[in-house]
Amino acid sequence: MTKIVPVLIALLLWGPAAAQSAETEKIFHCPTHPEVRQEVPGICPACGMKLVPVAP
């Protein structure tokens, strides 16, 4: 039991941060200009289309 407690504490402390960092590491691209890529959603500078998340 005493070996499980530190593991549970570690999961509680770092689990949400790991999930959040994975969430923020998405890459967005333009459907018609796949070379346009960025880490945040936005608008393609070449055509004005909305950037969409890259499929995993």
C-alpha atoms as a PDB file:
ATOM      1  CA  MET A   1       0.000   0.000   0.000  1.00  0.00           C
ATOM      2  CA  THR A   2       2.782   2.449   0.837  1.00  0.00           C
ATOM      3  CA  LYS A   3       4.338   1.899  -2.610  1.00  0.00           C
ATOM      4  CA  ILE A   4       1.085   2.763  -4.355  1.00  0.00           C
ATOM      5  CA  VAL A   5       0.579   6.126  -2.640  1.00  0.00           C
ATOM      6  CA  PRO A   6       3.551   7.908  -4.313  1.00  0.00           C
ATOM      7  CA  VAL A   7       2.478   6.552  -7.692  1.00  0.00           C
ATOM      8  CA  LEU A   8      -1.060   7.838  -7.195  1.00  0.00           C
ATOM      9  CA  ILE A   9       0.232  11.235  -6.109  1.00  0.00           C
ATOM     10  CA  ALA A  10       2.462  11.414  -9.195  1.00  0.00           C
ATOM     11  CA  LEU A  11      -0.451  10.545 -11.472  1.00  0.00           C
ATOM     12  CA  LEU A  12      -2.637  13.185  -9.865  1.00  0.00           C
ATOM     13  CA  LEU A  13       0.043  15.859 -10.165  1.00  0.00           C
ATOM     14  CA  TRP A  14       1.390  15.158 -13.656  1.00  0.00           C
ATOM     15  CA  GLY A  15      -1.526  13.396 -15.326  1.00  0.00           C
ATOM     16  CA  PRO A  16      -3.567  16.524 -16.160  1.00  0.00           C
ATOM     17  CA  ALA A  17      -0.472  18.424 -17.293  1.00  0.00           C
ATOM     18  CA  ALA A  18       0.514  15.627 -19.674  1.00  0.00           C
ATOM     19  CA  ALA A  19      -2.983  15.492 -21.106  1.00  0.00           C
ATOM     20  CA  GLN A  20      -3.068  19.269 -21.502  1.00  0.00           C
ATOM     21  CA  SER A  21       0.320  19.399 -23.223  1.00  0.00           C
ATOM     22  CA  ALA A  22      -0.790  16.717 -25.682  1.00  0.00           C
ATOM     23  CA  GLU A  23      -3.887  18.786 -26.364  1.00  0.00           C
ATOM     24  CA  THR A  24      -1.850  21.902 -27.084  1.00  0.00           C
ATOM     25  CA  GLU A  25       0.564  20.112 -29.402  1.00  0.00           C
ATOM     26  CA  LYS A  26      -1.955  19.872 -32.248  1.00  0.00           C
ATOM     27  CA  ILE A  27      -0.869  21.047 -35.664  1.00  0.00           C
ATOM     28  CA  PHE A  28      -3.276  22.878 -37.967  1.00  0.00           C
ATOM     29  CA  HIS A  29      -3.025  23.040 -41.761  1.00  0.00           C
ATOM     30  CA  CYS A  30      -4.897  24.391 -44.757  1.00  0.00           C
ATOM     31  CA  PRO A  31      -6.927  21.757 -46.647  1.00  0.00           C
ATOM     32  CA  THR A  32      -5.898  23.228 -50.018  1.00  0.00           C
ATOM     33  CA  HIS A  33      -2.365  24.303 -49.054  1.00  0.00           C
ATOM     34  CA  PRO A  34      -0.957  21.458 -46.874  1.00  0.00           C
ATOM     35  CA  GLU A  35       2.410  23.233 -46.689  1.00  0.00           C
ATOM     36  CA  VAL A  36       0.743  25.938 -44.537  1.00  0.00           C
ATOM     37  CA  ARG A  37       1.053  24.562 -40.995  1.00  0.00           C
ATOM     38  CA  GLN A  38       0.956  26.162 -37.550  1.00  0.00           C
ATOM     39  CA  GLU A  39       0.412  25.239 -33.904  1.00  0.00           C
ATOM     40  CA  VAL A  40      -2.724  27.335 -33.393  1.00  0.00           C
ATOM     41  CA  PRO A  41      -5.961  27.536 -35.378  1.00  0.00           C
ATOM     42  CA  GLY A  42      -6.245  30.419 -37.785  1.00  0.00           C
ATOM     43  CA  ILE A  43      -6.662  31.435 -41.407  1.00  0.00           C
ATOM     44  CA  CYS A  44      -4.522  30.344 -44.371  1.00  0.00           C
ATOM     45  CA  PRO A  45      -2.513  33.332 -45.627  1.00  0.00           C
ATOM     46  CA  ALA A  46      -2.624  31.958 -49.194  1.00  0.00           C
ATOM     47  CA  CYS A  47      -6.383  31.505 -49.648  1.00  0.00           C
ATOM     48  CA  GLY A  48      -8.173  32.625 -46.462  1.00  0.00           C
ATOM     49  CA  MET A  49      -9.591  29.197 -45.592  1.00  0.00           C
ATOM     50  CA  LYS A  50      -9.873  28.086 -41.982  1.00  0.00           C
ATOM     51  CA  LEU A  51      -6.967  25.908 -40.801  1.00  0.00           C
ATOM     52  CA  VAL A  52      -8.039  22.466 -39.615  1.00  0.00           C
ATOM     53  CA  PRO A  53      -6.320  20.001 -37.254  1.00  0.00           C
ATOM     54  CA  VAL A  54      -4.003  17.471 -38.878  1.00  0.00           C
ATOM     55  CA  ALA A  55      -5.366  13.941 -38.443  1.00  0.00           C
ATOM     56  CA  PRO A  56      -3.252  11.819 -36.063  1.00  0.00           C
END
